[in-house]
Amino acid sequence: MAVGALKFGQFTLKSGSTGPILSALAKAFASTIVEAQKSSSSTSPLPEFDVLFGPAYKGIPFAAMTVTHLYDNHNIAVGLAYDRKEVKDHGEGGNMVGASVKGKKILILDDVMTAGTAVRAAIDLVKREGGEVVGVVQCLDREEVGKDGVSSTVKEVEAIVGEGRVKAILRMRDLMVWLEKNGMNDELEKMKVYWEKYGLKQ
């Protein structure tokens, strides 16, 4: 909140970011990845991976800074890959940039998943390029009902990448608790309305 990484209200997505915001998010992504790789009796750990993939366009700066934080702060060296929306017909060609994903284990970064359309497209792209997606780490798990109207979007994506392999820096319920503790009642009420309409009932 201090750097503006979390905002409330209605926004046009794909807006620009600042150094402090990107740095805070990248540190959080890196820490979440490291913690998720540790064995736990209650959750499935993320497996080791070779390349961090940031889907265009929002995922590119997240992934670029996260691989740096992983190396500088956790001594984990992995490759960086991302895609471009427009296929390049000269130079190296194609729409993949950075480290090759062929024959590699890939971890995908995402901001939030609503219907999961964007992350599914990223998974399909990596698979077409010969990579194996071993997990997804998102900034916020909205804990929304998926396309089937019963299970969550996260569970639907886990059916593709493996059970317990979709992780998040923050969950919707955690955010709501934080809002309540900090007296942000207007934001909390709006989020409760959203949750009632789209949230996974457990």
N, C-alpha and C. Protein backbone atom coordinates (compact mmCIF):
# COMPACT_ATOMS: atom_id res chain seq x y z
N MET A 1 0.83 -1.20 0.00
CA MET A 1 0.00 0.00 0.00
C MET A 1 0.86 1.26 0.00
N ALA A 2 1.99 1.20 0.69
CA ALA A 2 2.82 2.39 0.83
C ALA A 2 3.36 2.88 -0.51
N VAL A 3 3.60 1.95 -1.45
CA VAL A 3 4.14 2.35 -2.75
C VAL A 3 3.05 2.41 -3.81
N GLY A 4 1.81 2.13 -3.43
CA GLY A 4 0.72 2.19 -4.38
C GLY A 4 0.57 0.93 -5.21
N ALA A 5 1.13 -0.18 -4.73
CA ALA A 5 1.03 -1.43 -5.48
C ALA A 5 -0.39 -1.97 -5.47
N LEU A 6 -1.18 -1.56 -4.48
CA LEU A 6 -2.56 -1.99 -4.36
C LEU A 6 -3.46 -0.78 -4.40
N LYS A 7 -4.38 -0.78 -5.35
CA LYS A 7 -5.29 0.35 -5.48
C LYS A 7 -6.73 -0.17 -5.53
N PHE A 8 -7.67 0.71 -5.17
CA PHE A 8 -9.08 0.35 -5.17
C PHE A 8 -9.85 1.30 -6.06
N GLY A 9 -10.90 0.77 -6.68
CA GLY A 9 -11.71 1.60 -7.55
C GLY A 9 -11.81 0.98 -8.93
N GLN A 10 -12.21 1.78 -9.91
CA GLN A 10 -12.33 1.33 -11.29
C GLN A 10 -11.18 1.92 -12.09
N PHE A 11 -10.50 1.04 -12.85
CA PHE A 11 -9.32 1.47 -13.57
C PHE A 11 -9.31 0.90 -14.97
N THR A 12 -8.56 1.55 -15.84
CA THR A 12 -8.24 0.98 -17.14
C THR A 12 -6.98 0.16 -16.94
N LEU A 13 -7.03 -1.12 -17.28
CA LEU A 13 -5.91 -2.00 -17.04
C LEU A 13 -4.77 -1.70 -18.00
N LYS A 14 -3.62 -2.38 -17.77
CA LYS A 14 -2.42 -2.23 -18.59
C LYS A 14 -1.84 -0.83 -18.48
N SER A 15 -2.02 -0.19 -17.33
CA SER A 15 -1.45 1.14 -17.13
C SER A 15 0.00 1.01 -16.72
N GLY A 16 0.72 2.13 -16.75
CA GLY A 16 2.14 2.11 -16.43
C GLY A 16 2.39 1.86 -14.95
N SER A 17 3.65 1.54 -14.63
CA SER A 17 4.03 1.29 -13.26
C SER A 17 5.27 2.11 -12.93
N THR A 18 5.57 2.21 -11.65
CA THR A 18 6.74 2.95 -11.20
C THR A 18 7.78 1.99 -10.64
N GLY A 19 9.00 2.50 -10.46
CA GLY A 19 10.07 1.67 -9.90
C GLY A 19 9.72 1.07 -8.55
N PRO A 20 9.23 1.87 -7.58
CA PRO A 20 8.90 1.31 -6.28
C PRO A 20 7.82 0.22 -6.35
N ILE A 21 6.81 0.42 -7.21
CA ILE A 21 5.76 -0.58 -7.34
C ILE A 21 6.32 -1.87 -7.91
N LEU A 22 7.06 -1.77 -9.01
CA LEU A 22 7.62 -2.96 -9.64
C LEU A 22 8.58 -3.68 -8.70
N SER A 23 9.39 -2.91 -7.97
CA SER A 23 10.33 -3.52 -7.04
C SER A 23 9.62 -4.27 -5.93
N ALA A 24 8.58 -3.65 -5.36
CA ALA A 24 7.82 -4.30 -4.28
C ALA A 24 7.14 -5.57 -4.75
N LEU A 25 6.54 -5.51 -5.94
CA LEU A 25 5.87 -6.69 -6.48
C LEU A 25 6.87 -7.80 -6.81
N ALA A 26 8.00 -7.42 -7.39
CA ALA A 26 9.00 -8.42 -7.75
C ALA A 26 9.55 -9.11 -6.51
N LYS A 27 9.80 -8.35 -5.45
CA LYS A 27 10.27 -8.94 -4.20
C LYS A 27 9.23 -9.91 -3.64
N ALA A 28 7.96 -9.50 -3.73
CA ALA A 28 6.88 -10.36 -3.23
C ALA A 28 6.75 -11.62 -4.08
N PHE A 29 6.86 -11.47 -5.40
CA PHE A 29 6.82 -12.64 -6.28
C PHE A 29 7.96 -13.60 -5.94
N ALA A 30 9.18 -13.05 -5.81
CA ALA A 30 10.34 -13.89 -5.54
C ALA A 30 10.20 -14.62 -4.20
N SER A 31 9.75 -13.91 -3.17
CA SER A 31 9.58 -14.53 -1.86
C SER A 31 8.51 -15.61 -1.89
N THR A 32 7.42 -15.34 -2.62
CA THR A 32 6.34 -16.33 -2.73
C THR A 32 6.82 -17.59 -3.43
N ILE A 33 7.62 -17.41 -4.49
CA ILE A 33 8.17 -18.56 -5.21
C ILE A 33 9.06 -19.40 -4.31
N VAL A 34 9.96 -18.74 -3.58
CA VAL A 34 10.89 -19.45 -2.71
C VAL A 34 10.13 -20.21 -1.62
N GLU A 35 9.16 -19.54 -1.00
CA GLU A 35 8.38 -20.19 0.06
C GLU A 35 7.57 -21.36 -0.49
N ALA A 36 7.05 -21.19 -1.71
CA ALA A 36 6.22 -22.24 -2.32
C ALA A 36 7.03 -23.46 -2.73
N GLN A 37 8.35 -23.30 -2.84
CA GLN A 37 9.19 -24.44 -3.21
C GLN A 37 9.58 -25.28 -1.99
N LYS A 38 9.30 -24.76 -0.80
CA LYS A 38 9.61 -25.51 0.40
C LYS A 38 8.53 -26.54 0.66
N SER A 39 8.93 -27.72 1.11
CA SER A 39 7.97 -28.78 1.38
C SER A 39 7.05 -28.40 2.52
N SER A 40 5.81 -28.79 2.40
CA SER A 40 4.82 -28.53 3.44
C SER A 40 3.84 -29.68 3.50
N SER A 41 3.39 -30.00 4.67
CA SER A 41 2.43 -31.10 4.82
C SER A 41 1.05 -30.70 4.35
N SER A 42 0.79 -29.38 4.25
CA SER A 42 -0.56 -28.93 3.93
C SER A 42 -0.73 -28.47 2.48
N THR A 43 0.37 -28.13 1.82
CA THR A 43 0.27 -27.68 0.44
C THR A 43 1.32 -28.35 -0.42
N SER A 44 1.05 -28.40 -1.72
CA SER A 44 2.00 -28.99 -2.65
C SER A 44 3.07 -27.96 -2.99
N PRO A 45 4.34 -28.30 -2.84
CA PRO A 45 5.39 -27.34 -3.17
C PRO A 45 5.53 -27.16 -4.67
N LEU A 46 5.98 -25.99 -5.07
CA LEU A 46 6.31 -25.77 -6.48
C LEU A 46 7.60 -26.53 -6.79
N PRO A 47 7.66 -27.20 -7.94
CA PRO A 47 8.91 -27.86 -8.31
C PRO A 47 9.94 -26.83 -8.78
N GLU A 48 11.18 -27.25 -8.89
CA GLU A 48 12.20 -26.37 -9.44
C GLU A 48 11.87 -26.10 -10.90
N PHE A 49 12.31 -24.96 -11.40
CA PHE A 49 12.01 -24.60 -12.78
C PHE A 49 13.24 -23.97 -13.42
N ASP A 50 13.23 -23.92 -14.76
CA ASP A 50 14.37 -23.41 -15.51
C ASP A 50 14.16 -21.98 -16.01
N VAL A 51 12.92 -21.66 -16.35
CA VAL A 51 12.62 -20.37 -16.97
C VAL A 51 11.37 -19.76 -16.36
N LEU A 52 11.44 -18.46 -16.09
CA LEU A 52 10.28 -17.70 -15.63
C LEU A 52 9.67 -17.02 -16.84
N PHE A 53 8.37 -17.23 -17.06
CA PHE A 53 7.71 -16.69 -18.25
C PHE A 53 6.74 -15.58 -17.85
N GLY A 54 6.90 -14.40 -18.48
CA GLY A 54 6.01 -13.27 -18.23
C GLY A 54 5.17 -12.98 -19.46
N PRO A 55 3.87 -13.26 -19.42
CA PRO A 55 3.01 -13.00 -20.58
C PRO A 55 2.94 -11.51 -20.92
N ALA A 56 2.97 -11.21 -22.21
CA ALA A 56 2.85 -9.82 -22.66
C ALA A 56 1.46 -9.28 -22.32
N TYR A 57 1.36 -8.02 -21.91
CA TYR A 57 2.51 -7.17 -21.73
C TYR A 57 2.82 -6.96 -20.25
N LYS A 58 1.80 -7.06 -19.41
CA LYS A 58 1.98 -6.76 -17.99
C LYS A 58 2.97 -7.68 -17.31
N GLY A 59 3.03 -8.92 -17.77
CA GLY A 59 3.90 -9.89 -17.12
C GLY A 59 5.37 -9.71 -17.40
N ILE A 60 5.70 -8.93 -18.44
CA ILE A 60 7.11 -8.79 -18.83
C ILE A 60 7.94 -8.09 -17.76
N PRO A 61 7.56 -6.89 -17.29
CA PRO A 61 8.38 -6.26 -16.24
C PRO A 61 8.35 -7.03 -14.94
N PHE A 62 7.22 -7.66 -14.60
CA PHE A 62 7.15 -8.47 -13.38
C PHE A 62 8.19 -9.58 -13.44
N ALA A 63 8.21 -10.32 -14.54
CA ALA A 63 9.13 -11.45 -14.68
C ALA A 63 10.57 -10.99 -14.73
N ALA A 64 10.84 -9.89 -15.46
CA ALA A 64 12.21 -9.40 -15.59
C ALA A 64 12.80 -9.02 -14.24
N MET A 65 12.01 -8.32 -13.43
CA MET A 65 12.52 -7.91 -12.12
C MET A 65 12.54 -9.07 -11.13
N THR A 66 11.61 -10.01 -11.28
CA THR A 66 11.58 -11.15 -10.36
C THR A 66 12.78 -12.06 -10.54
N VAL A 67 13.22 -12.30 -11.80
CA VAL A 67 14.40 -13.14 -11.99
C VAL A 67 15.63 -12.48 -11.36
N THR A 68 15.66 -11.15 -11.38
CA THR A 68 16.76 -10.42 -10.75
C THR A 68 16.73 -10.59 -9.24
N HIS A 69 15.54 -10.44 -8.65
CA HIS A 69 15.42 -10.62 -7.19
C HIS A 69 15.72 -12.06 -6.78
N LEU A 70 15.30 -13.02 -7.58
CA LEU A 70 15.59 -14.41 -7.26
C LEU A 70 17.10 -14.65 -7.20
N TYR A 71 17.82 -14.03 -8.12
CA TYR A 71 19.27 -14.23 -8.15
C TYR A 71 19.97 -13.42 -7.05
N ASP A 72 19.63 -12.15 -6.95
CA ASP A 72 20.32 -11.27 -6.01
C ASP A 72 20.04 -11.62 -4.55
N ASN A 73 18.81 -12.00 -4.24
CA ASN A 73 18.40 -12.19 -2.85
C ASN A 73 18.25 -13.65 -2.42
N HIS A 74 18.14 -14.56 -3.41
CA HIS A 74 17.92 -15.96 -3.05
C HIS A 74 18.90 -16.91 -3.73
N ASN A 75 19.83 -16.37 -4.50
CA ASN A 75 20.84 -17.16 -5.21
C ASN A 75 20.21 -18.23 -6.11
N ILE A 76 19.10 -17.87 -6.74
CA ILE A 76 18.43 -18.77 -7.68
C ILE A 76 18.56 -18.17 -9.08
N ALA A 77 19.24 -18.87 -9.96
CA ALA A 77 19.46 -18.37 -11.32
C ALA A 77 18.56 -19.11 -12.30
N VAL A 78 17.62 -18.39 -12.89
CA VAL A 78 16.73 -18.97 -13.90
C VAL A 78 16.68 -18.05 -15.10
N GLY A 79 16.23 -18.59 -16.23
CA GLY A 79 16.10 -17.80 -17.44
C GLY A 79 14.83 -16.98 -17.44
N LEU A 80 14.78 -16.02 -18.35
CA LEU A 80 13.60 -15.16 -18.53
C LEU A 80 13.10 -15.30 -19.96
N ALA A 81 11.81 -15.50 -20.10
CA ALA A 81 11.18 -15.55 -21.42
C ALA A 81 9.86 -14.80 -21.38
N TYR A 82 9.49 -14.25 -22.51
CA TYR A 82 8.19 -13.59 -22.63
C TYR A 82 7.78 -13.62 -24.09
N ASP A 83 6.55 -13.26 -24.33
CA ASP A 83 6.06 -13.27 -25.71
C ASP A 83 5.76 -11.85 -26.16
N ARG A 84 5.65 -11.69 -27.45
CA ARG A 84 5.20 -10.44 -28.03
C ARG A 84 3.86 -10.71 -28.71
N LYS A 85 2.98 -9.75 -28.68
CA LYS A 85 1.65 -9.94 -29.27
C LYS A 85 1.74 -10.09 -30.79
N GLU A 86 2.66 -9.33 -31.39
CA GLU A 86 2.80 -9.37 -32.84
C GLU A 86 3.95 -10.30 -33.21
N VAL A 87 3.69 -11.22 -34.14
CA VAL A 87 4.73 -12.14 -34.57
C VAL A 87 5.76 -11.39 -35.41
N LYS A 88 7.03 -11.53 -35.05
CA LYS A 88 8.12 -10.86 -35.76
C LYS A 88 8.54 -11.70 -36.95
N ASP A 89 8.58 -11.11 -38.15
CA ASP A 89 8.89 -11.87 -39.34
C ASP A 89 10.32 -11.66 -39.83
N HIS A 90 11.16 -11.03 -38.99
CA HIS A 90 12.57 -10.86 -39.34
C HIS A 90 13.42 -11.10 -38.09
N GLY A 91 14.72 -11.10 -38.24
CA GLY A 91 15.58 -11.39 -37.11
C GLY A 91 15.36 -12.81 -36.62
N GLU A 92 15.15 -12.97 -35.30
CA GLU A 92 14.93 -14.31 -34.76
C GLU A 92 13.53 -14.83 -35.07
N GLY A 93 12.64 -13.92 -35.48
CA GLY A 93 11.29 -14.32 -35.88
C GLY A 93 10.44 -14.80 -34.72
N GLY A 94 9.18 -15.15 -35.02
CA GLY A 94 8.27 -15.69 -34.02
C GLY A 94 7.79 -14.64 -33.04
N ASN A 95 7.13 -15.12 -31.97
CA ASN A 95 6.64 -14.18 -30.96
C ASN A 95 7.16 -14.51 -29.57
N MET A 96 8.18 -15.37 -29.49
CA MET A 96 8.82 -15.66 -28.20
C MET A 96 10.15 -14.93 -28.12
N VAL A 97 10.45 -14.38 -26.95
CA VAL A 97 11.67 -13.60 -26.73
C VAL A 97 12.36 -14.12 -25.47
N GLY A 98 13.69 -14.07 -25.49
CA GLY A 98 14.45 -14.45 -24.30
C GLY A 98 14.90 -15.89 -24.33
N ALA A 99 15.00 -16.49 -23.15
CA ALA A 99 15.49 -17.86 -23.03
C ALA A 99 14.56 -18.83 -23.75
N SER A 100 15.14 -19.84 -24.36
CA SER A 100 14.33 -20.87 -25.00
C SER A 100 13.57 -21.66 -23.94
N VAL A 101 12.33 -22.00 -24.26
CA VAL A 101 11.53 -22.80 -23.32
C VAL A 101 11.50 -24.27 -23.73
N LYS A 102 12.03 -24.58 -24.89
CA LYS A 102 11.97 -25.95 -25.40
C LYS A 102 12.70 -26.92 -24.48
N GLY A 103 11.98 -27.93 -24.05
CA GLY A 103 12.57 -28.93 -23.17
C GLY A 103 12.82 -28.45 -21.76
N LYS A 104 12.30 -27.29 -21.41
CA LYS A 104 12.54 -26.70 -20.09
C LYS A 104 11.28 -26.71 -19.22
N LYS A 105 11.49 -26.61 -17.91
CA LYS A 105 10.38 -26.48 -16.96
C LYS A 105 10.12 -24.99 -16.76
N ILE A 106 8.87 -24.59 -16.95
CA ILE A 106 8.52 -23.17 -16.99
C ILE A 106 7.55 -22.81 -15.87
N LEU A 107 7.83 -21.68 -15.20
CA LEU A 107 6.92 -21.11 -14.22
C LEU A 107 6.36 -19.81 -14.80
N ILE A 108 5.05 -19.65 -14.77
CA ILE A 108 4.39 -18.48 -15.34
C ILE A 108 4.00 -17.50 -14.23
N LEU A 109 4.25 -16.21 -14.46
CA LEU A 109 3.78 -15.17 -13.55
C LEU A 109 2.50 -14.56 -14.11
N ASP A 110 1.58 -14.20 -13.23
CA ASP A 110 0.34 -13.55 -13.65
C ASP A 110 -0.02 -12.51 -12.60
N ASP A 111 -0.82 -11.51 -12.98
CA ASP A 111 -1.24 -10.54 -11.98
C ASP A 111 -2.45 -11.07 -11.23
N VAL A 112 -3.58 -11.21 -11.89
CA VAL A 112 -4.78 -11.80 -11.29
C VAL A 112 -5.43 -12.69 -12.33
N MET A 113 -6.19 -13.69 -11.86
CA MET A 113 -6.95 -14.53 -12.77
C MET A 113 -8.43 -14.32 -12.52
N THR A 114 -9.15 -13.98 -13.56
CA THR A 114 -10.61 -13.88 -13.45
C THR A 114 -11.19 -15.16 -14.04
N ALA A 115 -11.31 -15.20 -15.35
CA ALA A 115 -11.75 -16.43 -16.00
C ALA A 115 -10.56 -17.34 -16.31
N GLY A 116 -9.34 -16.80 -16.18
CA GLY A 116 -8.16 -17.60 -16.45
C GLY A 116 -7.81 -17.69 -17.92
N THR A 117 -8.45 -16.86 -18.76
CA THR A 117 -8.24 -16.92 -20.20
C THR A 117 -6.80 -16.62 -20.58
N ALA A 118 -6.23 -15.56 -19.99
CA ALA A 118 -4.87 -15.14 -20.33
C ALA A 118 -3.84 -16.19 -19.92
N VAL A 119 -3.99 -16.75 -18.73
CA VAL A 119 -3.00 -17.72 -18.28
C VAL A 119 -3.12 -19.02 -19.07
N ARG A 120 -4.32 -19.39 -19.48
CA ARG A 120 -4.48 -20.56 -20.33
C ARG A 120 -3.79 -20.36 -21.67
N ALA A 121 -3.91 -19.15 -22.20
CA ALA A 121 -3.24 -18.84 -23.48
C ALA A 121 -1.73 -18.92 -23.32
N ALA A 122 -1.21 -18.45 -22.18
CA ALA A 122 0.23 -18.52 -21.92
C ALA A 122 0.69 -19.97 -21.80
N ILE A 123 -0.10 -20.79 -21.12
CA ILE A 123 0.23 -22.21 -20.98
C ILE A 123 0.26 -22.88 -22.35
N ASP A 124 -0.74 -22.60 -23.17
CA ASP A 124 -0.80 -23.19 -24.52
C ASP A 124 0.41 -22.77 -25.35
N LEU A 125 0.79 -21.50 -25.25
CA LEU A 125 1.93 -20.99 -26.02
C LEU A 125 3.22 -21.70 -25.61
N VAL A 126 3.44 -21.81 -24.29
CA VAL A 126 4.65 -22.48 -23.81
C VAL A 126 4.68 -23.94 -24.28
N LYS A 127 3.55 -24.60 -24.21
CA LYS A 127 3.48 -26.00 -24.66
C LYS A 127 3.78 -26.12 -26.15
N ARG A 128 3.25 -25.21 -26.95
CA ARG A 128 3.51 -25.24 -28.39
C ARG A 128 4.99 -25.05 -28.70
N GLU A 129 5.67 -24.31 -27.82
CA GLU A 129 7.10 -24.06 -28.01
C GLU A 129 7.95 -25.16 -27.39
N GLY A 130 7.30 -26.20 -26.87
CA GLY A 130 8.04 -27.35 -26.35
C GLY A 130 8.40 -27.30 -24.89
N GLY A 131 7.82 -26.35 -24.13
CA GLY A 131 8.11 -26.25 -22.71
C GLY A 131 7.07 -26.96 -21.87
N GLU A 132 7.42 -27.23 -20.63
CA GLU A 132 6.51 -27.86 -19.66
C GLU A 132 6.19 -26.86 -18.56
N VAL A 133 4.94 -26.47 -18.44
CA VAL A 133 4.53 -25.53 -17.40
C VAL A 133 4.36 -26.29 -16.09
N VAL A 134 5.16 -25.91 -15.09
CA VAL A 134 5.13 -26.62 -13.81
C VAL A 134 4.41 -25.84 -12.71
N GLY A 135 3.94 -24.62 -13.04
CA GLY A 135 3.22 -23.85 -12.05
C GLY A 135 2.93 -22.44 -12.50
N VAL A 136 2.07 -21.78 -11.73
CA VAL A 136 1.70 -20.39 -11.98
C VAL A 136 1.72 -19.67 -10.63
N VAL A 137 2.29 -18.47 -10.61
CA VAL A 137 2.26 -17.63 -9.41
C VAL A 137 1.58 -16.32 -9.78
N GLN A 138 0.52 -15.99 -9.08
CA GLN A 138 -0.22 -14.76 -9.36
C GLN A 138 -0.10 -13.79 -8.20
N CYS A 139 -0.35 -12.54 -8.49
CA CYS A 139 -0.27 -11.51 -7.46
C CYS A 139 -1.44 -11.64 -6.48
N LEU A 140 -2.66 -11.67 -7.02
CA LEU A 140 -3.86 -11.76 -6.18
C LEU A 140 -4.76 -12.90 -6.63
N ASP A 141 -5.08 -13.79 -5.72
CA ASP A 141 -6.05 -14.84 -5.98
C ASP A 141 -7.42 -14.31 -5.58
N ARG A 142 -8.23 -13.96 -6.56
CA ARG A 142 -9.56 -13.43 -6.28
C ARG A 142 -10.50 -14.48 -5.74
N GLU A 143 -10.10 -15.74 -5.79
CA GLU A 143 -10.93 -16.85 -5.29
C GLU A 143 -12.32 -16.82 -5.92
N GLU A 144 -12.32 -16.66 -7.23
CA GLU A 144 -13.58 -16.57 -7.96
C GLU A 144 -14.04 -17.92 -8.49
N VAL A 145 -15.34 -18.03 -8.70
CA VAL A 145 -15.91 -19.22 -9.31
C VAL A 145 -15.44 -19.29 -10.76
N GLY A 146 -15.05 -20.48 -11.20
CA GLY A 146 -14.54 -20.67 -12.55
C GLY A 146 -15.64 -20.80 -13.58
N LYS A 147 -15.24 -21.19 -14.79
CA LYS A 147 -16.17 -21.29 -15.90
C LYS A 147 -17.26 -22.33 -15.67
N ASP A 148 -16.95 -23.35 -14.85
CA ASP A 148 -17.94 -24.40 -14.63
C ASP A 148 -19.01 -23.99 -13.61
N GLY A 149 -18.83 -22.82 -12.98
CA GLY A 149 -19.82 -22.32 -12.03
C GLY A 149 -19.80 -23.01 -10.69
N VAL A 150 -18.83 -23.90 -10.48
CA VAL A 150 -18.77 -24.66 -9.23
C VAL A 150 -17.42 -24.50 -8.55
N SER A 151 -16.37 -24.94 -9.23
CA SER A 151 -15.03 -24.86 -8.67
C SER A 151 -14.41 -23.49 -8.97
N SER A 152 -13.22 -23.25 -8.43
CA SER A 152 -12.56 -21.97 -8.64
C SER A 152 -11.76 -21.97 -9.94
N THR A 153 -11.47 -20.77 -10.43
CA THR A 153 -10.60 -20.63 -11.59
C THR A 153 -9.25 -21.26 -11.31
N VAL A 154 -8.75 -21.07 -10.09
CA VAL A 154 -7.46 -21.65 -9.72
C VAL A 154 -7.49 -23.17 -9.87
N LYS A 155 -8.55 -23.81 -9.39
CA LYS A 155 -8.65 -25.27 -9.49
C LYS A 155 -8.70 -25.71 -10.95
N GLU A 156 -9.36 -24.92 -11.80
CA GLU A 156 -9.42 -25.25 -13.22
C GLU A 156 -8.04 -25.18 -13.86
N VAL A 157 -7.26 -24.18 -13.48
CA VAL A 157 -5.90 -24.06 -14.02
C VAL A 157 -5.01 -25.16 -13.44
N GLU A 158 -5.22 -25.49 -12.16
CA GLU A 158 -4.43 -26.57 -11.55
C GLU A 158 -4.71 -27.92 -12.22
N ALA A 159 -5.88 -28.07 -12.80
CA ALA A 159 -6.18 -29.30 -13.53
C ALA A 159 -5.27 -29.43 -14.75
N ILE A 160 -4.70 -28.32 -15.19
CA ILE A 160 -3.79 -28.31 -16.34
C ILE A 160 -2.34 -28.43 -15.89
N VAL A 161 -1.94 -27.67 -14.86
CA VAL A 161 -0.52 -27.61 -14.48
C VAL A 161 -0.17 -28.50 -13.30
N GLY A 162 -1.16 -29.01 -12.59
CA GLY A 162 -0.89 -29.87 -11.45
C GLY A 162 -1.51 -29.34 -10.17
N GLU A 163 -2.05 -30.22 -9.37
CA GLU A 163 -2.72 -29.82 -8.13
C GLU A 163 -1.77 -29.09 -7.19
N GLY A 164 -2.22 -27.96 -6.67
CA GLY A 164 -1.44 -27.19 -5.72
C GLY A 164 -0.33 -26.37 -6.34
N ARG A 165 -0.31 -26.27 -7.66
CA ARG A 165 0.79 -25.57 -8.33
C ARG A 165 0.41 -24.17 -8.82
N VAL A 166 -0.72 -23.67 -8.37
CA VAL A 166 -1.06 -22.27 -8.61
C VAL A 166 -0.97 -21.56 -7.26
N LYS A 167 -0.02 -20.66 -7.13
CA LYS A 167 0.22 -19.96 -5.88
C LYS A 167 -0.12 -18.49 -6.04
N ALA A 168 -0.24 -17.78 -4.91
CA ALA A 168 -0.57 -16.36 -4.95
C ALA A 168 0.16 -15.62 -3.83
N ILE A 169 0.54 -14.38 -4.12
CA ILE A 169 1.12 -13.53 -3.09
C ILE A 169 0.07 -13.25 -2.02
N LEU A 170 -1.16 -13.00 -2.46
CA LEU A 170 -2.24 -12.59 -1.57
C LEU A 170 -3.55 -13.19 -2.04
N ARG A 171 -4.40 -13.59 -1.08
CA ARG A 171 -5.73 -14.09 -1.40
C ARG A 171 -6.78 -13.02 -1.09
N MET A 172 -7.91 -13.12 -1.75
CA MET A 172 -8.99 -12.15 -1.57
C MET A 172 -9.41 -12.06 -0.10
N ARG A 173 -9.54 -13.20 0.55
CA ARG A 173 -10.00 -13.20 1.95
C ARG A 173 -8.99 -12.52 2.87
N ASP A 174 -7.68 -12.70 2.55
CA ASP A 174 -6.64 -12.03 3.34
C ASP A 174 -6.73 -10.52 3.17
N LEU A 175 -6.99 -10.09 1.94
CA LEU A 175 -7.12 -8.67 1.66
C LEU A 175 -8.31 -8.08 2.40
N MET A 176 -9.40 -8.82 2.46
CA MET A 176 -10.59 -8.33 3.16
C MET A 176 -10.33 -8.19 4.66
N VAL A 177 -9.58 -9.13 5.23
CA VAL A 177 -9.23 -9.04 6.65
C VAL A 177 -8.36 -7.81 6.89
N TRP A 178 -7.42 -7.56 5.98
CA TRP A 178 -6.53 -6.40 6.10
C TRP A 178 -7.33 -5.10 6.05
N LEU A 179 -8.29 -5.04 5.12
CA LEU A 179 -9.12 -3.84 5.00
C LEU A 179 -9.91 -3.58 6.28
N GLU A 180 -10.44 -4.65 6.86
CA GLU A 180 -11.22 -4.51 8.09
C GLU A 180 -10.32 -4.02 9.23
N LYS A 181 -9.14 -4.60 9.36
CA LYS A 181 -8.22 -4.21 10.43
C LYS A 181 -7.77 -2.77 10.31
N ASN A 182 -7.71 -2.28 9.06
CA ASN A 182 -7.23 -0.92 8.83
C ASN A 182 -8.35 0.10 8.65
N GLY A 183 -9.58 -0.32 8.98
CA GLY A 183 -10.70 0.60 8.97
C GLY A 183 -11.10 1.12 7.60
N MET A 184 -10.77 0.39 6.55
CA MET A 184 -11.11 0.81 5.19
C MET A 184 -12.47 0.22 4.82
N ASN A 185 -13.50 0.72 5.50
CA ASN A 185 -14.82 0.10 5.43
C ASN A 185 -15.50 0.28 4.07
N ASP A 186 -15.30 1.42 3.43
CA ASP A 186 -15.91 1.62 2.11
C ASP A 186 -15.38 0.60 1.11
N GLU A 187 -14.05 0.43 1.09
CA GLU A 187 -13.44 -0.53 0.19
C GLU A 187 -13.87 -1.96 0.53
N LEU A 188 -13.97 -2.23 1.84
CA LEU A 188 -14.37 -3.56 2.29
C LEU A 188 -15.79 -3.88 1.84
N GLU A 189 -16.70 -2.95 1.96
CA GLU A 189 -18.09 -3.20 1.57
C GLU A 189 -18.20 -3.47 0.08
N LYS A 190 -17.45 -2.71 -0.71
CA LYS A 190 -17.47 -2.93 -2.15
C LYS A 190 -16.92 -4.31 -2.50
N MET A 191 -15.89 -4.72 -1.77
CA MET A 191 -15.29 -6.02 -2.02
C MET A 191 -16.24 -7.14 -1.59
N LYS A 192 -16.99 -6.92 -0.53
CA LYS A 192 -17.97 -7.93 -0.10
C LYS A 192 -19.06 -8.11 -1.14
N VAL A 193 -19.49 -7.01 -1.75
CA VAL A 193 -20.50 -7.10 -2.82
C VAL A 193 -19.94 -7.90 -4.00
N TYR A 194 -18.69 -7.59 -4.35
CA TYR A 194 -18.03 -8.31 -5.45
C TYR A 194 -17.91 -9.79 -5.10
N TRP A 195 -17.50 -10.08 -3.88
CA TRP A 195 -17.32 -11.46 -3.43
C TRP A 195 -18.64 -12.23 -3.47
N GLU A 196 -19.71 -11.57 -3.04
CA GLU A 196 -21.03 -12.21 -3.03
C GLU A 196 -21.46 -12.59 -4.45
N LYS A 197 -21.08 -11.79 -5.40
CA LYS A 197 -21.50 -12.03 -6.79
C LYS A 197 -20.59 -13.05 -7.50
N TYR A 198 -19.27 -12.93 -7.27
CA TYR A 198 -18.32 -13.74 -8.04
C TYR A 198 -17.49 -14.72 -7.22
N GLY A 199 -17.49 -14.55 -5.90
CA GLY A 199 -16.58 -15.33 -5.07
C GLY A 199 -16.99 -16.79 -4.92
N LEU A 200 -15.99 -17.59 -4.64
CA LEU A 200 -16.19 -19.02 -4.41
C LEU A 200 -16.77 -19.22 -3.01
N LYS A 201 -17.92 -19.82 -2.92
CA LYS A 201 -18.55 -20.05 -1.61
C LYS A 201 -18.01 -21.36 -1.02
N GLN A 202 -17.39 -21.24 0.15
CA GLN A 202 -16.79 -22.42 0.79
C GLN A 202 -17.38 -22.64 2.16
